[in-house]
Structure formats: structure tokens, C-alpha cells
């Protein structure tokens, strides 16, 4: 859920459901970042198989509305604990992933305000547990 304040936190607008979970799945560990008029949210969400993926949404109008949900990790194993930051038009997302077993830190970046993301980069390349 997302709420915004236009008066330094004295009051907040209506809550926006960003994840809209299907089939009783759970969204957790949200992170938020902003740059200029852009607001970015990333979170982990489980699927019907009990694994998690990392999802992302962007607003380019100060958090009034959000675009489509992007599955950042999109793999059959568990992706969790996303972290994110933004600077100018760039958005940077990292997360822990069990797809390259046993577990690695993966990274993706967007250079167009979160409209699309480049290839996944394994930045830890863990050789063992």
C-alpha cells in the first residue's frame, strides 16, 4: 500500500494498492525511492509455489498514479530482500537470489525512469554457500 502527503506529513491521501496480490499471495519488504517528480517502489511477493520474486512500480507524476508492475527478478526460485535507490533518470535495484545456487546478489538498472530495465548482473558470484 502507498500513501502520499502534500503537507509535510500532517495528513495523507487515499491508500493505493500497488501489488494487488492474486490468489492470497503476500507482498513484503517494500522499499521506496524518489528522484525529482519520480517515485519508485520495489517489494518481494510470493507466488503459488511458495517462492518469491522482486516487483517494481514507478510513478512519474509525484506518486499520484503508478504504471504497470514489472517483475524485476522473474525466476522460478526465491528472490528476496530488495534494495533500491534512484538518481536523475536512473534506478538501481539489488536483491538476494537463489537462482544461481546457492545464493547471490543480483543487480538491475533502469536509465529511463523505471520504464524498462537492463539485463540482470550477478555482482557477488558466490562460489559456495
Protein backbone atom coordinates (compact mmCIF):
# COMPACT_ATOMS: atom_id res chain seq x y z
CA UNK A 1 0.00 0.00 0.00
CA UNK A 2 1.16 3.55 -0.75
CA UNK A 3 0.03 6.89 0.67
CA UNK A 4 1.43 10.33 -0.03
CA UNK A 5 1.40 13.59 1.87
CA UNK A 6 1.46 17.04 0.30
CA UNK A 7 1.78 18.88 3.63
CA UNK A 8 4.95 17.54 5.25
CA UNK A 9 3.21 14.56 6.84
CA UNK A 10 0.36 16.37 8.60
CA UNK A 11 -2.15 14.33 6.61
CA UNK A 12 -2.09 11.64 3.91
CA UNK A 13 -4.21 10.92 0.85
CA UNK A 14 -6.04 7.75 -0.07
CA UNK A 15 -4.09 4.46 0.03
CA UNK A 16 -3.12 2.98 -3.35
CA UNK A 17 -2.74 -0.81 -3.57
CA UNK A 18 0.44 -1.27 -5.60
CA UNK A 19 0.77 -5.06 -5.52
CA UNK A 20 -2.87 -6.19 -5.99
CA UNK A 21 -1.95 -9.71 -4.87
CA UNK A 22 -3.69 -12.58 -6.64
CA UNK A 23 -4.66 -15.87 -5.03
CA UNK A 24 -3.77 -14.87 -1.46
CA UNK A 25 -0.10 -14.23 -2.18
CA UNK A 26 1.83 -11.94 0.18
CA UNK A 27 3.86 -8.80 -0.56
CA UNK A 28 6.56 -7.79 1.92
CA UNK A 29 9.76 -5.77 2.47
CA UNK A 30 8.81 -2.68 0.44
CA UNK A 31 11.43 -0.05 -0.41
CA UNK A 32 10.73 3.41 -1.76
CA UNK A 33 12.94 5.93 -3.52
CA UNK A 34 12.38 9.14 -5.44
CA UNK A 35 14.19 11.46 -7.80
CA UNK A 36 12.56 14.70 -8.90
CA UNK A 37 8.91 14.01 -9.66
CA UNK A 38 9.51 10.24 -9.94
CA UNK A 39 8.57 7.82 -7.15
CA UNK A 40 9.74 4.20 -7.23
CA UNK A 41 8.60 1.24 -5.13
CA UNK A 42 10.09 -2.27 -5.03
CA UNK A 43 8.96 -5.27 -2.96
CA UNK A 44 9.11 -9.06 -2.78
CA UNK A 45 5.99 -11.13 -3.41
CA UNK A 46 5.43 -14.86 -3.12
CA UNK A 47 3.82 -16.97 -5.79
CA UNK A 48 1.60 -20.04 -5.63
CA UNK A 49 4.70 -22.26 -5.39
CA UNK A 50 5.98 -20.55 -2.21
CA UNK A 51 8.90 -18.78 -3.90
CA UNK A 52 9.39 -15.02 -4.07
CA UNK A 53 10.05 -12.58 -6.90
CA UNK A 54 11.05 -8.91 -6.78
CA UNK A 55 8.50 -6.48 -8.24
CA UNK A 56 8.72 -2.80 -9.15
CA UNK A 57 6.36 0.11 -9.89
CA UNK A 58 7.09 3.67 -10.95
CA UNK A 59 5.19 6.93 -10.77
CA UNK A 60 6.27 9.80 -12.98
CA UNK A 61 3.79 12.30 -11.52
CA UNK A 62 4.83 12.62 -7.89
CA UNK A 63 3.06 9.48 -6.71
CA UNK A 64 -0.42 10.41 -7.97
CA UNK A 65 -0.62 7.29 -10.17
CA UNK A 66 1.67 4.33 -10.90
CA UNK A 67 2.48 2.47 -14.12
CA UNK A 68 2.49 -1.26 -14.75
CA UNK A 69 4.12 -3.74 -12.38
CA UNK A 70 7.49 -5.07 -13.55
CA UNK A 71 8.80 -8.42 -12.29
CA UNK A 72 12.46 -7.47 -11.80
CA UNK A 73 13.78 -10.94 -10.84
CA UNK A 74 11.38 -13.19 -12.78
CA UNK A 75 12.79 -16.63 -11.97
CA UNK A 76 11.42 -19.94 -10.60
CA UNK A 77 13.39 -19.81 -7.32
CA UNK A 78 13.45 -17.27 -4.49
CA UNK A 79 14.39 -13.63 -4.94
CA UNK A 80 14.23 -11.58 -1.74
CA UNK A 81 15.27 -8.55 0.30
CA UNK A 82 15.25 -5.93 -2.48
CA UNK A 83 17.01 -2.60 -2.01
CA UNK A 84 16.73 0.36 -4.33
CA UNK A 85 17.98 3.89 -4.95
CA UNK A 86 17.47 6.48 -7.68
CA UNK A 87 19.41 9.40 -9.13
CA UNK A 88 18.22 11.52 -12.04
CA UNK A 89 16.68 9.17 -14.64
CA UNK A 90 18.48 6.14 -13.17
CA UNK A 91 17.00 3.49 -10.87
CA UNK A 92 19.22 0.83 -9.26
CA UNK A 93 17.81 -2.40 -7.72
CA UNK A 94 19.71 -5.19 -5.91
CA UNK A 95 18.39 -8.36 -4.24
CA UNK A 96 19.42 -11.73 -2.89
CA UNK A 97 18.61 -14.57 -5.25
CA UNK A 98 18.80 -18.36 -5.02
CA UNK A 99 18.52 -18.82 -8.78
CA UNK A 100 22.29 -19.06 -9.29
CA UNK A 101 22.64 -21.58 -6.42
CA UNK A 102 23.35 -21.35 -3.61
CA UNK A 103 22.69 -17.60 -3.27
CA UNK A 104 23.96 -14.46 -4.96
CA UNK A 105 23.38 -10.72 -5.06
CA UNK A 106 21.86 -9.66 -8.36
CA UNK A 107 21.53 -6.17 -9.82
CA UNK A 108 19.46 -4.42 -12.49
CA UNK A 109 19.35 -0.81 -13.56
CA UNK A 110 16.99 1.44 -15.48
CA UNK A 111 18.14 4.58 -17.26
CA UNK A 112 14.64 5.71 -18.31
CA UNK A 113 12.84 6.45 -15.04
CA UNK A 114 11.91 2.79 -14.42
CA UNK A 115 10.08 2.22 -17.71
CA UNK A 116 12.37 -0.73 -18.52
CA UNK A 117 15.41 -2.44 -17.02
CA UNK A 118 18.65 -3.77 -18.46
CA UNK A 119 19.97 -7.30 -18.07
CA UNK A 120 20.45 -8.90 -14.67
CA UNK A 121 24.05 -8.75 -13.42
CA UNK A 122 25.39 -11.16 -10.78
CA UNK A 123 27.57 -8.87 -8.65
CA UNK A 124 28.62 -11.38 -5.96
CA UNK A 125 29.31 -14.60 -7.94
CA UNK A 126 29.37 -16.66 -4.76
CA UNK A 127 31.37 -19.87 -5.32
CA UNK A 128 29.77 -21.78 -2.41
CA UNK A 129 27.29 -21.50 0.46
